[in-house]
């Protein structure tokens, strides 16, 4: 991950924390736009960024924001391409597995991706 990517993760986490706490996000909304754009332009980089954001998130509210945002969008849009990596990350990173519990949108996923995701989080408590 490049220093620029780390800065983007930092700004995105600031945006997420501000959003979940009800504070103004004007100064960091650009980070949300950048992450969303990355999902469309370079989904693999966006997935790596999501992994890093989950690792660096400091509380469940921010983790849920990441789960319901870029992580869910990546799984919906690119789940078949990335489900193996997602399963591997969940197997070695309990925090990532916890984040997956906050991913919704199963009806927008390919059925086999949704089924595999359900197996990964089967024993994970609600986020």
Protein backbone atom coordinates (compact mmCIF):
# COMPACT_ATOMS: atom_id res chain seq x y z
CA UNK A 1 0.00 0.00 0.00
CA UNK A 2 1.44 3.35 -1.02
CA UNK A 3 1.66 6.37 1.29
CA UNK A 4 -1.08 7.97 -0.80
CA UNK A 5 -3.31 4.94 -0.22
CA UNK A 6 -2.61 5.13 3.52
CA UNK A 7 -3.59 8.81 3.48
CA UNK A 8 -6.82 7.90 1.69
CA UNK A 9 -7.59 5.24 4.32
CA UNK A 10 -6.91 7.78 7.08
CA UNK A 11 -9.20 10.36 5.48
CA UNK A 12 -11.90 7.73 4.82
CA UNK A 13 -11.78 6.63 8.46
CA UNK A 14 -12.09 10.27 9.56
CA UNK A 15 -15.09 10.63 7.26
CA UNK A 16 -16.65 7.42 8.61
CA UNK A 17 -16.11 8.45 12.24
CA UNK A 18 -17.63 11.88 11.58
CA UNK A 19 -20.61 10.35 9.79
CA UNK A 20 -21.43 7.77 12.45
CA UNK A 21 -21.12 10.38 15.21
CA UNK A 22 -23.32 12.89 13.40
CA UNK A 23 -20.57 15.47 12.86
CA UNK A 24 -20.14 17.41 9.62
CA UNK A 25 -18.12 15.54 7.00
CA UNK A 26 -17.54 18.29 4.44
CA UNK A 27 -13.78 18.23 4.86
CA UNK A 28 -13.53 14.49 4.28
CA UNK A 29 -16.33 13.73 1.84
CA UNK A 30 -13.70 13.69 -0.90
CA UNK A 31 -12.36 10.48 0.65
CA UNK A 32 -15.74 8.77 0.27
CA UNK A 33 -15.84 9.88 -3.37
CA UNK A 34 -12.28 8.65 -3.96
CA UNK A 35 -12.98 5.24 -2.43
CA UNK A 36 -16.18 4.86 -4.43
CA UNK A 37 -14.39 5.87 -7.62
CA UNK A 38 -11.60 3.41 -6.92
CA UNK A 39 -14.19 0.63 -6.65
CA UNK A 40 -15.19 1.36 -10.24
CA UNK A 41 -11.72 2.04 -11.70
CA UNK A 42 -9.53 -0.41 -9.79
CA UNK A 43 -11.58 -2.88 -7.73
CA UNK A 44 -8.54 -4.84 -6.57
CA UNK A 45 -6.96 -1.69 -5.11
CA UNK A 46 -10.33 -0.84 -3.55
CA UNK A 47 -10.45 -4.28 -1.92
CA UNK A 48 -6.97 -3.83 -0.47
CA UNK A 49 -8.02 -0.42 0.78
CA UNK A 50 -11.12 -1.95 2.43
CA UNK A 51 -8.95 -4.60 4.13
CA UNK A 52 -6.71 -1.84 5.50
CA UNK A 53 -9.63 0.33 6.60
CA UNK A 54 -11.11 -2.61 8.52
CA UNK A 55 -7.76 -3.32 10.19
CA UNK A 56 -7.44 0.33 11.25
CA UNK A 57 -11.04 0.98 12.30
CA UNK A 58 -11.29 1.78 15.98
CA UNK A 59 -14.87 0.89 16.87
CA UNK A 60 -17.84 -1.17 15.74
CA UNK A 61 -19.75 1.85 14.43
CA UNK A 62 -16.95 2.72 12.02
CA UNK A 63 -16.53 -0.94 11.14
CA UNK A 64 -20.24 -1.13 10.29
CA UNK A 65 -19.94 1.98 8.11
CA UNK A 66 -17.12 0.36 6.13
CA UNK A 67 -19.08 -2.90 5.89
CA UNK A 68 -22.25 -1.27 4.62
CA UNK A 69 -20.33 0.98 2.24
CA UNK A 70 -17.25 0.07 0.24
CA UNK A 71 -17.07 -3.54 1.39
CA UNK A 72 -20.69 -4.29 0.51
CA UNK A 73 -20.42 -2.45 -2.81
CA UNK A 74 -17.29 -4.41 -3.74
CA UNK A 75 -18.93 -7.72 -2.91
CA UNK A 76 -22.07 -6.82 -4.84
CA UNK A 77 -20.16 -5.58 -7.89
CA UNK A 78 -17.16 -7.92 -7.86
CA UNK A 79 -18.00 -10.71 -5.43
CA UNK A 80 -17.40 -13.58 -7.80
CA UNK A 81 -13.95 -12.22 -8.63
CA UNK A 82 -12.97 -11.61 -5.00
CA UNK A 83 -14.82 -14.16 -2.88
CA UNK A 84 -11.74 -16.39 -2.52
CA UNK A 85 -9.65 -13.47 -1.21
CA UNK A 86 -12.50 -12.38 1.04
CA UNK A 87 -12.76 -15.86 2.53
CA UNK A 88 -8.98 -16.04 3.08
CA UNK A 89 -8.89 -12.64 4.76
CA UNK A 90 -11.83 -13.59 6.98
CA UNK A 91 -10.10 -16.83 7.97
CA UNK A 92 -6.98 -15.04 9.18
CA UNK A 93 -8.44 -11.71 10.39
CA UNK A 94 -11.24 -11.94 12.97
CA UNK A 95 -11.88 -8.20 12.65
CA UNK A 96 -12.51 -8.59 8.93
CA UNK A 97 -14.85 -11.52 9.56
CA UNK A 98 -16.70 -9.29 12.02
CA UNK A 99 -16.94 -6.56 9.39
CA UNK A 100 -18.50 -9.01 6.96
CA UNK A 101 -21.34 -9.42 9.45
CA UNK A 102 -22.27 -5.81 8.63
CA UNK A 103 -22.51 -6.45 4.89
CA UNK A 104 -26.11 -6.54 3.71
CA UNK A 105 -27.45 -6.54 0.17
CA UNK A 106 -27.51 -10.32 -0.27
CA UNK A 107 -30.34 -9.88 -2.77
CA UNK A 108 -27.97 -7.85 -4.96
CA UNK A 109 -25.20 -10.48 -4.86
CA UNK A 110 -24.79 -13.52 -7.04
CA UNK A 111 -26.39 -16.43 -5.16
CA UNK A 112 -23.16 -18.42 -4.85
CA UNK A 113 -21.34 -15.37 -3.45
CA UNK A 114 -24.13 -14.72 -0.94
CA UNK A 115 -24.05 -18.37 0.15
CA UNK A 116 -20.29 -18.37 0.63
CA UNK A 117 -20.48 -15.11 2.57
CA UNK A 118 -23.15 -16.58 4.82
CA UNK A 119 -20.93 -19.57 5.58
CA UNK A 120 -18.04 -17.27 6.52
CA UNK A 121 -20.11 -15.28 9.03
CA UNK A 122 -22.36 -18.08 10.30
CA UNK A 123 -20.91 -18.01 13.82
CA UNK A 124 -20.19 -14.28 13.98
CA UNK A 125 -22.33 -12.25 16.42
CA UNK A 126 -24.26 -9.24 15.05
CA UNK A 127 -22.27 -6.12 14.45
